[in-house]
Amino acid sequence: MNSLVIRLSGHLSAELGSELYLKVKEICQSPSLFCLDGSSLTNLDVVGAEYLKKMEAKTKSTGSKIAFFGISPALQTQFIDLQISKLFPFFESEIGAKKYLESQVLPTEPANEINVKPVNQTVTATVQTKTSLIYCPFCDHELRFYRIGDHLCPACENKFSVNQKGWTTPYEKLV
């Protein structure tokens, strides 16, 4: 699951709202956590509020979660006036927002795993090999998973890591 802290500043209007919505839409093709920092946000207009409403609907449809923190009392009043205060949870600090978002994740079921049942079992003396199916976090190619650690997708040749629960974590490329 992706997680991202987005720091907003200035006036949330058509330009900033559009950029924010498009970025969130792009990222939340898979379930994601968005922590929005509003400490440098000075103002919000009707168009910006509409983009926040669209963003909330989009994230809700993909199983993603959003939390705001650092919103000034004056800006909270604008959120109430524009009827978007009930769409998002608000927190005083980044730590509180992150804890809330992490509590919303169901840690028992990896989002990219089909079935955790064995596909192939080979028993040799006391050694047993168990495989499961997972998806590449980049290209969604179905892969057999034998062990935890670093892996390379044969289809797209991107590197990712698999943990003990079968969760995949992509490695970011530095450009």
C-alpha atoms as a PDB file:
ATOM      1  CA  MET A   1       0.000   0.000   0.000  1.00  0.00           C
ATOM      2  CA  ASN A   2       1.380   3.399  -0.987  1.00  0.00           C
ATOM      3  CA  SER A   3       1.545   6.205   1.559  1.00  0.00           C
ATOM      4  CA  LEU A   4       2.242   9.833   0.782  1.00  0.00           C
ATOM      5  CA  VAL A   5       2.494  13.108   2.704  1.00  0.00           C
ATOM      6  CA  ILE A   6       1.382  16.057   0.570  1.00  0.00           C
ATOM      7  CA  ARG A   7       2.253  19.543   1.788  1.00  0.00           C
ATOM      8  CA  LEU A   8      -0.215  22.162   0.548  1.00  0.00           C
ATOM      9  CA  SER A   9       0.600  25.862   0.513  1.00  0.00           C
ATOM     10  CA  GLY A  10      -1.027  29.046  -0.677  1.00  0.00           C
ATOM     11  CA  HIS A  11      -4.539  29.337  -2.041  1.00  0.00           C
ATOM     12  CA  LEU A  12      -6.412  26.106  -2.842  1.00  0.00           C
ATOM     13  CA  SER A  13      -8.268  27.086  -6.008  1.00  0.00           C
ATOM     14  CA  ALA A  14      -8.712  25.674  -9.516  1.00  0.00           C
ATOM     15  CA  GLU A  15      -4.999  25.403 -10.356  1.00  0.00           C
ATOM     16  CA  LEU A  16      -3.755  23.810  -7.124  1.00  0.00           C
ATOM     17  CA  GLY A  17      -6.957  21.765  -6.734  1.00  0.00           C
ATOM     18  CA  SER A  18      -6.629  20.352 -10.252  1.00  0.00           C
ATOM     19  CA  GLU A  19      -2.971  19.389  -9.742  1.00  0.00           C
ATOM     20  CA  LEU A  20      -3.766  17.792  -6.392  1.00  0.00           C
ATOM     21  CA  TYR A  21      -6.712  15.824  -7.773  1.00  0.00           C
ATOM     22  CA  LEU A  22      -4.758  14.548 -10.799  1.00  0.00           C
ATOM     23  CA  LYS A  23      -1.825  13.459  -8.612  1.00  0.00           C
ATOM     24  CA  VAL A  24      -4.101  11.653  -6.141  1.00  0.00           C
ATOM     25  CA  LYS A  25      -6.049  10.049  -9.005  1.00  0.00           C
ATOM     26  CA  GLU A  26      -2.799   8.780 -10.554  1.00  0.00           C
ATOM     27  CA  ILE A  27      -1.463   7.350  -7.299  1.00  0.00           C
ATOM     28  CA  CYS A  28      -4.656   5.775  -5.991  1.00  0.00           C
ATOM     29  CA  GLN A  29      -5.040   3.270  -8.817  1.00  0.00           C
ATOM     30  CA  SER A  30      -4.139   0.927  -5.971  1.00  0.00           C
ATOM     31  CA  PRO A  31      -5.186   1.562  -2.350  1.00  0.00           C
ATOM     32  CA  SER A  32      -3.103   4.355  -0.845  1.00  0.00           C
ATOM     33  CA  LEU A  33      -2.837   6.529   2.256  1.00  0.00           C
ATOM     34  CA  PHE A  34      -2.721  10.323   1.822  1.00  0.00           C
ATOM     35  CA  CYS A  35      -1.670  12.603   4.676  1.00  0.00           C
ATOM     36  CA  LEU A  36      -2.368  16.235   3.666  1.00  0.00           C
ATOM     37  CA  ASP A  37      -0.447  19.001   5.471  1.00  0.00           C
ATOM     38  CA  GLY A  38      -2.505  22.190   5.524  1.00  0.00           C
ATOM     39  CA  SER A  39      -0.221  24.224   7.818  1.00  0.00           C
ATOM     40  CA  SER A  40       0.910  26.461   4.924  1.00  0.00           C
ATOM     41  CA  LEU A  41      -2.506  26.586   3.267  1.00  0.00           C
ATOM     42  CA  THR A  42      -3.873  30.135   3.531  1.00  0.00           C
ATOM     43  CA  ASN A  43      -7.220  30.077   1.745  1.00  0.00           C
ATOM     44  CA  LEU A  44      -9.773  27.827   0.057  1.00  0.00           C
ATOM     45  CA  ASP A  45     -12.359  28.768  -2.546  1.00  0.00           C
ATOM     46  CA  VAL A  46     -15.433  27.003  -3.956  1.00  0.00           C
ATOM     47  CA  VAL A  47     -13.547  25.444  -6.893  1.00  0.00           C
ATOM     48  CA  GLY A  48     -10.829  24.122  -4.577  1.00  0.00           C
ATOM     49  CA  ALA A  49     -13.546  22.648  -2.354  1.00  0.00           C
ATOM     50  CA  GLU A  50     -15.103  20.887  -5.351  1.00  0.00           C
ATOM     51  CA  TYR A  51     -11.733  19.312  -6.183  1.00  0.00           C
ATOM     52  CA  LEU A  52     -11.473  18.093  -2.577  1.00  0.00           C
ATOM     53  CA  LYS A  53     -14.945  16.533  -2.916  1.00  0.00           C
ATOM     54  CA  LYS A  54     -13.914  14.814  -6.174  1.00  0.00           C
ATOM     55  CA  MET A  55     -10.698  13.633  -4.543  1.00  0.00           C
ATOM     56  CA  GLU A  56     -12.604  12.171  -1.573  1.00  0.00           C
ATOM     57  CA  ALA A  57     -14.987  10.309  -3.901  1.00  0.00           C
ATOM     58  CA  LYS A  58     -12.093   8.926  -5.980  1.00  0.00           C
ATOM     59  CA  THR A  59     -10.104   7.724  -2.972  1.00  0.00           C
ATOM     60  CA  LYS A  60     -13.183   6.181  -1.400  1.00  0.00           C
ATOM     61  CA  SER A  61     -13.876   4.173  -4.572  1.00  0.00           C
ATOM     62  CA  THR A  62     -10.341   2.714  -4.580  1.00  0.00           C
ATOM     63  CA  GLY A  63     -10.110   1.922  -0.856  1.00  0.00           C
ATOM     64  CA  SER A  64      -7.656   4.752  -0.228  1.00  0.00           C
ATOM     65  CA  LYS A  65      -7.747   6.973   2.865  1.00  0.00           C
ATOM     66  CA  ILE A  66      -7.093  10.698   3.396  1.00  0.00           C
ATOM     67  CA  ALA A  67      -6.400  12.681   6.578  1.00  0.00           C
ATOM     68  CA  PHE A  68      -5.644  16.401   7.032  1.00  0.00           C
ATOM     69  CA  PHE A  69      -3.419  17.948   9.676  1.00  0.00           C
ATOM     70  CA  GLY A  70      -2.224  21.440  10.561  1.00  0.00           C
ATOM     71  CA  ILE A  71      -5.350  23.283   9.376  1.00  0.00           C
ATOM     72  CA  SER A  72      -5.700  26.751  10.942  1.00  0.00           C
ATOM     73  CA  PRO A  73      -8.943  27.670  12.769  1.00  0.00           C
ATOM     74  CA  ALA A  74      -9.813  30.203  10.034  1.00  0.00           C
ATOM     75  CA  LEU A  75      -9.395  27.532   7.354  1.00  0.00           C
ATOM     76  CA  GLN A  76     -11.448  25.066   9.410  1.00  0.00           C
ATOM     77  CA  THR A  77     -14.266  27.618   9.313  1.00  0.00           C
ATOM     78  CA  GLN A  78     -13.992  27.736   5.513  1.00  0.00           C
ATOM     79  CA  PHE A  79     -14.130  23.919   5.385  1.00  0.00           C
ATOM     80  CA  ILE A  80     -17.333  24.032   7.463  1.00  0.00           C
ATOM     81  CA  ASP A  81     -18.860  26.834   5.333  1.00  0.00           C
ATOM     82  CA  LEU A  82     -18.110  24.936   2.100  1.00  0.00           C
ATOM     83  CA  GLN A  83     -19.580  21.719   3.595  1.00  0.00           C
ATOM     84  CA  ILE A  84     -16.461  19.582   3.259  1.00  0.00           C
ATOM     85  CA  SER A  85     -15.450  19.353   6.933  1.00  0.00           C
ATOM     86  CA  LYS A  86     -17.210  15.995   7.364  1.00  0.00           C
ATOM     87  CA  LEU A  87     -15.496  14.379   4.379  1.00  0.00           C
ATOM     88  CA  PHE A  88     -12.045  14.167   5.989  1.00  0.00           C
ATOM     89  CA  PRO A  89     -10.649  13.540   9.468  1.00  0.00           C
ATOM     90  CA  PHE A  90      -8.619  16.486  10.812  1.00  0.00           C
ATOM     91  CA  PHE A  91      -5.679  16.246  13.206  1.00  0.00           C
ATOM     92  CA  GLU A  92      -3.437  18.766  14.935  1.00  0.00           C
ATOM     93  CA  SER A  93      -0.190  16.957  14.134  1.00  0.00           C
ATOM     94  CA  GLU A  94       1.304  14.802  11.411  1.00  0.00           C
ATOM     95  CA  ILE A  95       1.855  11.989  13.902  1.00  0.00           C
ATOM     96  CA  GLY A  96      -1.847  11.876  14.798  1.00  0.00           C
ATOM     97  CA  ALA A  97      -2.863  11.796  11.130  1.00  0.00           C
ATOM     98  CA  LYS A  98      -0.367   9.033  10.320  1.00  0.00           C
ATOM     99  CA  LYS A  99      -1.492   6.909  13.275  1.00  0.00           C
ATOM    100  CA  TYR A 100      -5.106   7.271  12.159  1.00  0.00           C
ATOM    101  CA  LEU A 101      -4.279   6.280   8.570  1.00  0.00           C
ATOM    102  CA  GLU A 102      -2.209   3.294   9.698  1.00  0.00           C
ATOM    103  CA  SER A 103      -5.092   2.142  11.900  1.00  0.00           C
ATOM    104  CA  GLN A 104      -7.338   2.084   8.811  1.00  0.00           C
ATOM    105  CA  VAL A 105      -5.164  -0.520   7.062  1.00  0.00           C
ATOM    106  CA  LEU A 106      -6.117  -4.160   7.432  1.00  0.00           C
ATOM    107  CA  PRO A 107      -2.717  -5.783   8.075  1.00  0.00           C
ATOM    108  CA  THR A 108      -3.913  -9.371   7.743  1.00  0.00           C
ATOM    109  CA  GLU A 109      -4.643  -9.347   4.012  1.00  0.00           C
ATOM    110  CA  PRO A 110      -2.084  -8.118   1.487  1.00  0.00           C
ATOM    111  CA  ALA A 111      -3.866  -6.139  -1.208  1.00  0.00           C
ATOM    112  CA  ASN A 112      -1.872  -7.690  -4.043  1.00  0.00           C
ATOM    113  CA  GLU A 113      -2.108 -11.352  -3.105  1.00  0.00           C
ATOM    114  CA  ILE A 114      -4.616 -13.657  -4.822  1.00  0.00           C
ATOM    115  CA  ASN A 115      -4.736 -16.693  -2.547  1.00  0.00           C
ATOM    116  CA  VAL A 116      -2.299 -17.711   0.119  1.00  0.00           C
ATOM    117  CA  LYS A 117      -2.925 -21.363  -0.580  1.00  0.00           C
ATOM    118  CA  PRO A 118      -0.017 -23.465  -1.862  1.00  0.00           C
ATOM    119  CA  VAL A 119       0.282 -23.780  -5.625  1.00  0.00           C
ATOM    120  CA  ASN A 120       3.005 -26.388  -5.559  1.00  0.00           C
ATOM    121  CA  GLN A 121       4.285 -28.446  -2.644  1.00  0.00           C
ATOM    122  CA  THR A 122       7.346 -30.626  -2.780  1.00  0.00           C
ATOM    123  CA  VAL A 123       8.244 -32.645   0.297  1.00  0.00           C
ATOM    124  CA  THR A 124      11.778 -33.957   0.466  1.00  0.00           C
ATOM    125  CA  ALA A 125      12.745 -35.498   3.809  1.00  0.00           C
ATOM    126  CA  THR A 126      11.927 -32.628   6.185  1.00  0.00           C
ATOM    127  CA  VAL A 127      12.129 -29.760   3.673  1.00  0.00           C
ATOM    128  CA  GLN A 128       8.869 -28.373   2.318  1.00  0.00           C
ATOM    129  CA  THR A 129       8.679 -25.679  -0.392  1.00  0.00           C
ATOM    130  CA  LYS A 130       5.522 -23.601  -0.465  1.00  0.00           C
ATOM    131  CA  THR A 131       4.651 -21.135  -3.225  1.00  0.00           C
ATOM    132  CA  SER A 132       1.981 -18.456  -3.393  1.00  0.00           C
ATOM    133  CA  LEU A 133       0.848 -16.121  -6.132  1.00  0.00           C
ATOM    134  CA  ILE A 134       1.473 -12.370  -5.931  1.00  0.00           C
ATOM    135  CA  TYR A 135       1.365  -9.472  -8.377  1.00  0.00           C
ATOM    136  CA  CYS A 136       4.248  -7.252  -9.446  1.00  0.00           C
ATOM    137  CA  PRO A 137       3.603  -3.812  -7.888  1.00  0.00           C
ATOM    138  CA  PHE A 138       4.614  -2.109 -11.163  1.00  0.00           C
ATOM    139  CA  CYS A 139       2.939  -4.050 -13.979  1.00  0.00           C
ATOM    140  CA  ASP A 140       0.499  -6.348 -12.095  1.00  0.00           C
ATOM    141  CA  HIS A 141       2.111  -9.408 -13.686  1.00  0.00           C
ATOM    142  CA  GLU A 142       1.216 -12.580 -11.764  1.00  0.00           C
ATOM    143  CA  LEU A 143       4.273 -14.151 -10.133  1.00  0.00           C
ATOM    144  CA  ARG A 144       5.020 -17.177  -7.982  1.00  0.00           C
ATOM    145  CA  PHE A 145       6.393 -16.269  -4.582  1.00  0.00           C
ATOM    146  CA  TYR A 146       8.819 -18.717  -2.937  1.00  0.00           C
ATOM    147  CA  ARG A 147      10.661 -16.656  -0.342  1.00  0.00           C
ATOM    148  CA  ILE A 148      10.845 -13.245   1.283  1.00  0.00           C
ATOM    149  CA  GLY A 149      13.399 -10.682   0.110  1.00  0.00           C
ATOM    150  CA  ASP A 150      14.312  -8.821  -3.055  1.00  0.00           C
ATOM    151  CA  HIS A 151      12.901  -9.858  -6.428  1.00  0.00           C
ATOM    152  CA  LEU A 152      13.033  -8.779 -10.070  1.00  0.00           C
ATOM    153  CA  CYS A 153       9.892  -8.935 -12.226  1.00  0.00           C
ATOM    154  CA  PRO A 154      10.654 -10.865 -15.437  1.00  0.00           C
ATOM    155  CA  ALA A 155       7.983  -8.928 -17.360  1.00  0.00           C
ATOM    156  CA  CYS A 156       8.921  -5.300 -16.588  1.00  0.00           C
ATOM    157  CA  GLU A 157      12.365  -5.830 -14.990  1.00  0.00           C
ATOM    158  CA  ASN A 158      11.571  -3.623 -11.966  1.00  0.00           C
ATOM    159  CA  LYS A 159      12.873  -4.494  -8.512  1.00  0.00           C
ATOM    160  CA  PHE A 160      10.631  -4.988  -5.498  1.00  0.00           C
ATOM    161  CA  SER A 161      10.731  -6.602  -2.086  1.00  0.00           C
ATOM    162  CA  VAL A 162       8.364  -9.213  -0.583  1.00  0.00           C
ATOM    163  CA  ASN A 163       7.857  -9.457   3.189  1.00  0.00           C
ATOM    164  CA  GLN A 164       6.762 -12.408   5.351  1.00  0.00           C
ATOM    165  CA  LYS A 165       3.052 -11.700   4.795  1.00  0.00           C
ATOM    166  CA  GLY A 166       3.431 -11.594   1.008  1.00  0.00           C
ATOM    167  CA  TRP A 167       3.218  -7.799   0.759  1.00  0.00           C
ATOM    168  CA  THR A 168       5.223  -6.276  -2.070  1.00  0.00           C
ATOM    169  CA  THR A 169       7.127  -3.004  -1.761  1.00  0.00           C
ATOM    170  CA  PRO A 170       8.415  -1.351  -4.936  1.00  0.00           C
ATOM    171  CA  TYR A 171      11.852   0.238  -5.025  1.00  0.00           C
ATOM    172  CA  GLU A 172      11.715   3.820  -6.234  1.00  0.00           C
ATOM    173  CA  LYS A 173      13.995   4.810  -9.046  1.00  0.00           C
ATOM    174  CA  LEU A 174      16.116   7.894  -8.541  1.00  0.00           C
ATOM    175  CA  VAL A 175      16.271   9.981 -11.662  1.00  0.00           C
END
